[in-house]
Protein backbone atom coordinates (compact mmCIF):
# COMPACT_ATOMS: atom_id res chain seq x y z
CA MET A 1 91.78 8.00 -15.98
CA GLY A 2 91.42 10.06 -12.72
CA VAL A 3 88.63 12.50 -11.92
CA ASP A 4 89.43 16.11 -11.07
CA ASP A 5 88.42 17.10 -7.51
CA ASP A 6 86.54 20.18 -8.75
CA GLU A 7 84.49 18.12 -11.21
CA LEU A 8 83.59 15.57 -8.47
CA ALA A 9 82.41 18.34 -6.18
CA GLU A 10 80.24 19.80 -8.93
CA GLU A 11 78.54 16.39 -9.59
CA GLU A 12 77.79 15.95 -5.87
CA LEU A 13 76.13 19.35 -5.81
CA LEU A 14 73.97 18.45 -8.81
CA ASP A 15 72.83 15.14 -7.20
CA ALA A 16 71.96 16.66 -3.82
CA PRO A 17 68.26 17.50 -3.04
CA PRO A 18 67.41 21.21 -3.07
CA ALA A 19 67.67 22.98 0.23
CA PRO A 20 64.34 24.16 1.73
CA ALA A 21 63.57 27.76 1.02
CA VAL A 22 63.77 30.10 3.97
CA PRO A 23 60.74 32.39 3.88
CA GLU A 24 61.29 36.05 4.12
CA ALA A 25 59.53 38.09 6.75
CA GLU A 26 56.42 38.81 4.62
CA ASP A 27 56.04 35.09 3.60
CA GLU A 28 55.88 33.69 7.15
CA VAL A 29 52.83 31.38 7.71
CA ASP A 30 50.16 32.56 10.17
CA PRO A 31 49.37 29.45 12.29
CA VAL A 32 45.85 30.70 13.19
CA ALA A 33 44.93 31.29 9.54
CA ALA A 34 46.31 27.91 8.55
CA ALA A 35 44.22 26.18 11.22
CA ARG A 36 41.11 27.97 10.02
CA ALA A 37 41.81 26.90 6.43
CA ARG A 38 42.20 23.29 7.52
CA ARG A 39 38.89 23.43 9.42
CA ARG A 40 37.09 24.88 6.38
CA ARG A 41 38.44 22.10 4.18
CA LEU A 42 37.40 19.47 6.75
CA VAL A 43 33.85 20.87 7.07
CA GLY A 44 33.49 21.02 3.29
CA ALA A 45 34.57 17.40 2.97
CA VAL A 46 32.07 16.29 5.64
CA VAL A 47 29.21 18.15 3.91
CA VAL A 48 30.05 16.56 0.55
CA LEU A 49 30.17 13.12 2.18
CA ALA A 50 26.81 13.65 3.93
CA VAL A 51 25.12 14.74 0.69
CA ALA A 52 26.54 11.72 -1.12
CA VAL A 53 25.27 9.35 1.59
CA ALA A 54 21.80 10.96 1.50
CA VAL A 55 21.57 10.62 -2.28
CA LEU A 56 22.60 6.98 -2.10
CA GLY A 57 20.01 6.43 0.63
CA LEU A 58 17.28 7.79 -1.65
CA LEU A 59 18.38 5.75 -4.63
CA PHE A 60 19.06 2.52 -2.74
CA PRO A 61 17.08 2.58 0.51
CA GLY A 62 17.53 -0.21 2.99
CA ARG A 63 19.42 -3.44 2.59
CA GLN A 64 18.88 -5.27 -0.70
CA VAL A 65 18.31 -9.01 -0.65
CA ARG A 66 19.21 -11.13 -3.63
CA PRO A 67 16.27 -13.06 -5.09
CA GLY A 68 18.11 -16.38 -5.35
CA THR A 69 16.96 -19.51 -7.16
CA GLY A 70 16.16 -23.07 -6.23
CA ALA A 71 15.35 -24.33 -2.75
CA TYR A 72 16.44 -23.23 0.72
CA ASP A 73 20.12 -22.26 0.60
CA PRO A 74 21.92 -23.02 3.88
CA GLY A 75 25.19 -21.80 2.38
CA THR A 76 24.41 -18.15 3.08
CA SER A 77 24.50 -16.42 6.45
CA ASP A 78 21.57 -14.18 5.46
CA GLN A 79 18.36 -15.79 6.74
CA ILE A 80 16.16 -13.87 4.32
CA GLU A 81 18.30 -14.70 1.31
CA ALA A 82 18.31 -18.34 2.36
CA ALA A 83 14.52 -18.56 2.76
CA LEU A 84 13.47 -16.43 -0.21
CA PRO A 85 13.85 -19.13 -2.93
CA ALA A 86 11.64 -21.54 -0.99
CA LEU A 87 9.01 -18.84 -0.42
CA ARG A 88 9.07 -17.92 -4.11
CA SER A 89 8.63 -21.57 -5.04
CA PHE A 90 5.70 -22.02 -2.65
CA ALA A 91 3.97 -18.93 -4.05
CA GLU A 92 4.42 -20.16 -7.63
CA ARG A 93 3.21 -23.70 -6.91
CA THR A 94 0.18 -22.66 -4.88
CA ARG A 95 -0.81 -19.81 -7.17
CA GLY A 96 -0.22 -21.79 -10.37
CA LEU A 97 1.86 -18.98 -11.89
CA THR A 98 5.57 -18.26 -12.34
CA PHE A 99 7.48 -15.04 -11.88
CA THR A 100 8.26 -13.41 -15.21
CA GLY A 101 10.70 -10.72 -14.07
CA GLN A 102 13.19 -9.72 -11.44
CA LEU A 103 12.09 -9.64 -7.83
CA SER A 104 13.52 -6.99 -5.53
CA VAL A 105 13.31 -7.28 -1.73
CA THR A 106 14.46 -4.38 0.44
CA VAL A 107 14.87 -4.52 4.21
CA LEU A 108 14.03 -1.23 5.93
CA GLY A 109 14.33 0.06 9.47
CA ALA A 110 11.11 0.74 11.38
CA ALA A 111 10.97 4.46 10.54
CA GLN A 112 11.78 3.96 6.84
CA PHE A 113 9.27 1.12 6.64
CA ALA A 114 6.49 3.24 8.14
CA ALA A 115 7.20 6.12 5.77
CA ALA A 116 7.38 3.92 2.67
CA SER A 117 4.13 2.10 3.46
CA VAL A 118 1.95 5.22 3.09
CA GLN A 119 2.83 6.14 -0.47
CA ALA A 120 0.25 7.99 -2.53
CA LEU A 121 -1.07 6.57 -5.77
CA PRO A 122 1.00 8.10 -8.61
CA GLY A 123 -1.26 9.54 -11.26
CA GLY A 124 -4.37 8.91 -9.15
CA PRO A 125 -7.58 10.93 -9.39
CA ALA A 126 -7.67 14.40 -7.85
CA VAL A 127 -10.41 13.77 -5.31
CA ASP A 128 -10.81 14.42 -1.59
CA ARG A 129 -12.26 11.18 -0.32
CA GLY A 130 -11.58 12.22 3.24
CA ALA A 131 -14.10 15.04 2.80
CA THR A 132 -16.76 12.46 1.87
CA GLY A 133 -16.07 10.42 4.98
CA ARG A 134 -16.28 13.48 7.21
CA ALA A 135 -19.48 14.74 5.58
CA LEU A 136 -21.10 11.32 6.08
CA GLY A 137 -20.01 11.27 9.70
CA LEU A 138 -17.90 8.14 9.20
CA GLY A 139 -14.45 9.66 9.57
CA ALA A 140 -11.65 9.76 7.03
CA MET A 141 -12.12 7.33 4.15
CA ALA A 142 -9.10 5.64 2.58
CA ALA A 143 -7.25 7.61 -0.08
CA PRO A 144 -7.90 6.59 -3.70
CA GLY A 145 -6.36 3.27 -4.60
CA GLY A 146 -3.09 3.24 -2.76
CA THR A 147 0.05 1.54 -3.97
CA THR A 148 0.86 -0.88 -1.24
CA ALA A 149 -0.55 -4.12 0.02
CA GLY A 150 0.72 -5.87 3.11
CA ASP A 151 0.87 -5.80 6.88
CA GLN A 152 3.15 -4.74 9.72
CA GLU A 153 6.08 -6.94 8.67
CA ALA A 154 6.11 -6.65 4.85
CA PHE A 155 4.33 -4.97 1.97
CA TYR A 156 4.50 -4.75 -1.79
CA SER A 157 4.64 -1.42 -3.64
CA PHE A 158 2.57 -1.45 -6.83
CA ALA A 159 4.34 1.67 -8.08
CA GLN A 160 7.92 0.59 -7.39
CA HIS A 161 7.34 -3.12 -8.03
CA ARG A 162 9.34 -3.87 -4.93
CA VAL A 163 8.84 -5.95 -1.77
CA TYR A 164 9.70 -4.18 1.47
CA LEU A 165 10.44 -6.12 4.65
CA ARG A 166 10.72 -4.51 8.06
CA ASP A 167 14.03 -5.16 9.77
CA GLY A 168 13.77 -7.38 12.83
CA ALA A 169 13.49 -11.03 13.80
CA PHE A 170 12.97 -13.14 10.70
CA ASP A 171 10.63 -15.58 12.42
CA ALA A 172 7.62 -17.54 11.15
CA VAL A 173 5.43 -14.42 11.29
CA ALA A 174 7.88 -12.45 9.13
CA ARG A 175 8.21 -15.34 6.66
CA ALA A 176 4.42 -15.55 6.29
CA ALA A 177 4.23 -11.78 5.73
CA LEU A 178 6.99 -11.98 3.12
CA LEU A 179 5.15 -14.83 1.37
CA HIS A 180 2.01 -12.66 1.30
CA ALA A 181 3.94 -9.80 -0.34
CA LEU A 182 5.49 -12.21 -2.86
CA VAL A 183 2.01 -13.24 -4.01
CA HIS A 184 1.25 -9.57 -4.69
CA ALA A 185 4.48 -9.34 -6.70
CA LEU A 186 3.54 -12.47 -8.64
CA ASP A 187 0.05 -11.15 -9.43
CA ASP A 188 1.54 -7.78 -10.36
CA GLN A 189 3.95 -9.31 -12.87
CA ARG A 190 1.07 -11.20 -14.45
CA PHE A 191 -1.81 -8.72 -14.25
CA ASP A 192 -0.29 -5.23 -13.67
CA LEU A 193 -1.81 -4.27 -10.32
CA LEU A 194 -0.93 -0.59 -10.68
CA ARG A 195 -2.94 -0.39 -13.92
CA LEU A 196 -5.91 -2.09 -12.29
CA THR A 197 -5.66 0.12 -9.20
CA ARG A 198 -5.59 3.30 -11.25
CA ALA A 199 -8.61 2.16 -13.25
CA ALA A 200 -10.63 1.54 -10.07
CA ALA A 201 -9.37 4.45 -7.95
CA GLY A 202 -11.94 6.96 -9.18
CA ASP A 203 -14.81 5.12 -7.44
CA ALA A 204 -14.64 4.25 -3.73
CA ASP A 205 -16.73 1.07 -3.96
CA ARG A 206 -14.97 -0.25 -7.04
CA ALA A 207 -11.60 0.39 -5.39
CA ARG A 208 -12.65 -1.61 -2.33
CA ALA A 209 -13.85 -4.48 -4.52
CA LEU A 210 -10.51 -4.61 -6.35
CA ALA A 211 -8.60 -4.46 -3.06
CA ALA A 212 -10.65 -7.43 -1.85
CA LEU A 213 -9.58 -9.44 -4.91
CA VAL A 214 -5.90 -8.50 -4.54
CA GLU A 215 -5.70 -9.06 -0.79
CA GLY A 216 -7.97 -12.07 -0.84
CA ASP A 217 -5.70 -13.89 -3.29
CA ALA A 218 -2.59 -13.23 -1.17
CA ASP A 219 -4.45 -14.19 2.03
CA ARG A 220 -5.58 -17.46 0.44
CA VAL A 221 -2.01 -18.46 -0.48
CA GLU A 222 -0.66 -17.27 2.85
CA ALA A 223 -3.22 -19.42 4.69
CA ALA A 224 -2.00 -22.45 2.74
CA TYR A 225 1.58 -21.60 3.66
CA ILE A 226 0.74 -21.27 7.35
CA ASP A 227 -0.99 -24.66 7.22
CA SER A 228 2.27 -26.15 5.89
CA LEU A 229 4.35 -24.92 8.84
CA PRO A 230 5.24 -26.97 11.93
CA ALA A 231 2.60 -26.84 14.66
CA ALA A 232 4.62 -24.48 16.89
CA ASP A 233 5.10 -22.00 14.02
CA GLN A 234 1.41 -22.19 13.14
CA ARG A 235 0.48 -21.31 16.70
CA ALA A 236 2.97 -18.43 16.77
CA VAL A 237 1.66 -16.92 13.52
CA ARG A 238 -2.00 -17.28 14.43
CA ALA A 239 -1.42 -15.82 17.88
CA ARG A 240 0.19 -12.73 16.36
CA ARG A 241 -2.47 -12.42 13.67
CA GLN A 242 -5.44 -12.87 16.00
CA VAL A 243 -7.30 -9.58 16.28
CA ALA A 244 -10.61 -8.51 17.73
CA ALA A 245 -13.63 -8.06 15.50
CA PRO A 246 -13.42 -4.68 13.75
CA ALA A 247 -15.27 -1.87 15.51
CA GLY A 248 -15.97 1.37 13.69
CA PHE A 249 -15.74 2.47 10.09
CA ALA A 250 -11.95 2.76 9.83
CA ALA A 251 -11.37 -0.73 11.24
CA ASN A 252 -14.03 -2.25 8.98
CA GLU A 253 -12.58 -0.50 5.94
CA ARG A 254 -9.14 -1.95 6.71
CA ALA A 255 -10.49 -5.43 7.44
CA PHE A 256 -12.93 -5.76 4.54
CA PRO A 257 -10.38 -6.59 1.76
CA HIS A 258 -8.94 -9.37 3.94
CA THR A 259 -11.96 -10.94 5.62
CA PHE A 260 -14.47 -10.74 2.78
CA GLY A 261 -11.76 -10.78 0.10
CA ALA A 262 -10.31 -14.09 1.29
CA ALA A 263 -13.76 -15.68 1.35
CA PHE A 264 -14.51 -14.32 -2.14
CA VAL A 265 -11.30 -15.63 -3.73
CA THR A 266 -11.50 -18.96 -1.90
CA GLN A 267 -15.01 -19.50 -3.25
CA LEU A 268 -13.87 -18.63 -6.78
CA ALA A 269 -10.97 -21.09 -6.52
CA SER A 270 -13.19 -23.83 -5.12
CA GLY A 271 -15.28 -23.68 -8.27
CA GLY A 272 -12.54 -23.61 -10.88
CA GLY A 273 -9.11 -23.48 -9.30
CA ASN A 274 -6.51 -20.85 -10.06
CA ALA A 275 -7.89 -20.37 -13.56
CA THR A 276 -11.01 -18.72 -12.17
CA VAL A 277 -8.87 -16.42 -10.02
CA ASP A 278 -6.80 -15.49 -13.08
CA ALA A 279 -10.02 -14.70 -14.92
CA ALA A 280 -11.13 -12.45 -12.05
CA PHE A 281 -7.95 -10.39 -12.42
CA GLY A 282 -8.75 -10.13 -16.12
CA SER A 283 -12.25 -8.87 -15.32
CA PRO A 284 -12.20 -7.60 -11.71
CA PRO A 285 -15.31 -7.23 -9.54
CA THR A 286 -16.75 -3.72 -9.66
CA SER A 287 -18.80 -3.65 -6.47
CA THR A 288 -18.51 -4.69 -2.85
CA ALA A 289 -21.91 -6.37 -3.31
CA GLN A 290 -20.13 -8.89 -5.56
CA ILE A 291 -17.50 -9.49 -2.87
CA ILE A 292 -20.09 -9.96 -0.12
CA GLU A 293 -22.14 -12.30 -2.35
CA PRO A 294 -19.75 -14.00 -4.81
CA ARG A 295 -22.66 -15.51 -6.76
CA LEU A 296 -23.44 -11.99 -8.02
CA TYR A 297 -19.97 -11.87 -9.57
CA THR A 298 -20.04 -15.37 -11.01
CA GLN A 299 -23.52 -14.73 -12.46
CA GLY A 300 -22.45 -11.41 -13.95
CA VAL A 301 -24.85 -9.32 -11.84
CA THR A 302 -23.61 -5.72 -11.68
CA PRO A 303 -25.02 -2.65 -9.91
CA VAL A 304 -27.65 -0.55 -11.64
CA GLY A 305 -26.28 2.73 -12.93
CA VAL A 306 -27.65 5.73 -11.03
CA ARG A 307 -27.56 9.37 -12.12
CA PRO A 308 -25.47 11.30 -9.57
CA PRO A 309 -27.14 14.13 -7.64
CA GLN A 310 -26.43 17.76 -8.49
CA ALA A 311 -23.60 19.38 -6.48
CA ASP A 312 -24.52 22.67 -4.83
CA GLY A 313 -20.92 23.87 -4.66
CA PRO A 314 -17.38 23.07 -5.90
CA GLN A 315 -17.20 19.30 -6.33
CA VAL A 316 -14.38 17.44 -4.54
CA ASP A 317 -15.42 13.79 -4.89
CA ALA A 318 -17.98 11.52 -6.55
CA GLY A 319 -18.62 7.81 -6.90
CA THR A 320 -20.62 5.03 -5.29
CA LEU A 321 -20.99 3.94 -1.67
CA GLY A 322 -21.87 0.38 -2.63
CA ARG A 323 -23.26 -2.20 -0.30
CA PHE A 324 -20.32 -1.80 2.08
CA GLY A 325 -20.71 1.97 2.29
CA LEU A 326 -24.47 1.80 2.82
CA ALA A 327 -24.03 -0.77 5.60
CA MET A 328 -21.49 1.52 7.26
CA LEU A 329 -23.97 4.41 7.10
CA ALA A 330 -26.87 2.37 8.45
CA THR A 331 -24.91 0.86 11.35
CA ARG A 332 -22.56 3.81 12.14
CA GLY A 333 -19.66 1.65 11.03
CA ALA A 334 -20.56 -1.31 13.22
CA ARG A 335 -21.10 -4.15 10.74
CA VAL A 336 -21.17 -5.10 7.07
CA LEU A 337 -23.82 -7.84 6.96
CA ASP A 338 -27.55 -7.72 7.72
CA ALA A 339 -27.67 -3.93 7.59
CA SER A 340 -31.22 -2.95 6.69
CA ALA A 341 -31.49 -1.70 3.12
CA SER A 342 -28.01 -2.85 2.13
CA ALA A 343 -29.41 -6.35 1.61
CA THR A 344 -31.65 -5.09 -1.22
CA TRP A 345 -29.32 -2.35 -2.47
CA GLN A 346 -29.35 -2.16 -6.26
CA GLY A 347 -27.08 0.79 -6.96
CA ASP A 348 -26.23 4.31 -5.88
CA ALA A 349 -24.29 7.45 -6.75
CA TYR A 350 -22.95 10.23 -4.54
CA VAL A 351 -21.35 13.64 -4.98
CA THR A 352 -19.39 15.63 -2.38
CA PHE A 353 -18.96 19.39 -2.60
CA ARG A 354 -17.78 22.35 -0.56
CA SER A 355 -20.47 24.13 1.43
CA GLY A 356 -19.60 27.08 3.63
CA GLY A 357 -16.75 26.06 5.89
CA GLY A 358 -17.33 22.32 5.42
CA TYR A 359 -18.56 19.70 2.98
CA CYS A 360 -21.85 18.10 1.99
CA THR A 361 -22.52 14.74 0.35
CA LYS A 362 -25.69 13.91 -1.56
CA VAL A 363 -26.50 10.24 -2.21
CA SER A 364 -29.12 8.73 -4.55
CA LEU A 365 -29.91 5.11 -3.60
CA LEU A 366 -31.93 2.49 -5.43
CA VAL A 367 -33.80 0.48 -2.78
CA GLY A 368 -36.79 -1.29 -4.27
CA ASP A 369 -38.50 -2.72 -1.19
CA PRO A 370 -40.76 -0.20 0.64
CA GLY A 371 -40.10 -1.95 3.93
CA ASP A 372 -36.33 -1.55 3.47
CA GLN A 373 -36.81 2.09 2.56
CA GLN A 374 -38.60 2.66 5.86
CA GLN A 375 -36.00 0.62 7.74
CA LEU A 376 -33.27 2.79 6.22
CA ARG A 377 -35.04 5.91 7.50
CA THR A 378 -35.22 4.34 10.94
CA ASP A 379 -31.55 3.31 10.93
CA LEU A 380 -30.40 6.76 9.85
CA ALA A 381 -32.58 8.63 12.34
CA GLY A 382 -30.35 10.64 14.63
CA ALA A 383 -27.28 10.41 12.40
CA PRO A 384 -25.24 13.49 13.37
CA ASN A 385 -24.64 14.86 9.87
CA LEU A 386 -27.92 13.83 8.20
CA ARG A 387 -29.78 16.83 6.79
CA SER A 388 -32.61 15.20 4.84
CA VAL A 389 -34.10 11.94 3.53
CA THR A 390 -36.33 12.20 0.46
CA LEU A 391 -38.10 9.52 -1.59
CA PHE A 392 -38.17 10.01 -5.38
CA GLY A 393 -40.54 7.66 -7.18
CA PRO A 394 -41.00 4.07 -6.05
CA ASP A 395 -37.36 3.11 -5.52
CA THR A 396 -34.97 6.09 -5.20
CA VAL A 397 -34.01 7.45 -1.79
CA ARG A 398 -32.11 10.77 -1.70
CA LEU A 399 -29.89 11.43 1.34
CA GLU A 400 -27.97 14.61 2.17
CA PHE A 401 -25.25 14.86 4.79
CA CYS A 402 -23.17 17.90 5.78
CA GLY A 403 -20.19 18.03 8.10
CA PRO A 404 -16.93 19.84 8.80
């Protein structure tokens, strides 16, 4: 049957695409306005993208490294990921403990690393320990507790339970620093370092004693790791780690947890192995005197409780100086050992308060030996911020310092 020509023409018209509409005069597109609209849309898209990248940077900073299992894995091109299992294994074997949870390692650029390593202690005490240091003429004292432990290449955050590694050459020095941080992570999973740090943060001397235990344990394991390295790597690590003897209060405060802490933990371990170190985390030292003389800790000798002096203004800090703090006072921050009355120190208490435009700190010290009491007066003579030295009874020396 044939198809009528009119019907065929009608079907072709139905199948054809619609012709583009021809705009009338009032519908003509303004090219300038259209360009502006496109620019606005582009700027909006860029802003949204930037915000999204920033949020992701906050949630997932740096490059994450998988924890891995087993021994060294040469199958990966990531040096850190390849070495991490062996470092974990060394930490577990040497420390006598095993990791109980996930381990997160984050690689940060230099600026991010520096910013992350100065975190404040979450939920820490509201005290101004810097005011105490300035009143005593020592300079700024360390903030309460802190949440990190490490060095220039790696550190462990007690609050975030995360190891941070600074981006750069992953050489023997970086591996040793990462091993050090892994020991902190291992101790944290077993003993809850943030809980211990918060408990000690309210007292300057107790906080230093705990830091000596924490750092000393990691330094002890790190030293064993360095000893296991090839001779060339050992020389490289020790050359980078070699530093001059600390000079001044700030340097001594930074060095104390490592130098005296390592000796303290090593002596504990020599007497009873890792079990004695575990016990120390269960019942941490409470005074730097116990760190300086480990026998005091092992014999259960604790400082004598001292009634704190009365503040003459709004209080900003209180606690104990301890044997470390007294030695710093007596030697203007020069040395920790053989510092006059610190050798026979029995206990102390201080309070810091606002006074005029600055701060004052009163200290009550128990020093039983009359000769050491006189030596303390001699050592403190000429101290820039010392206002008075008073003897109460046979064994209590009252000091008052005021500074900016």
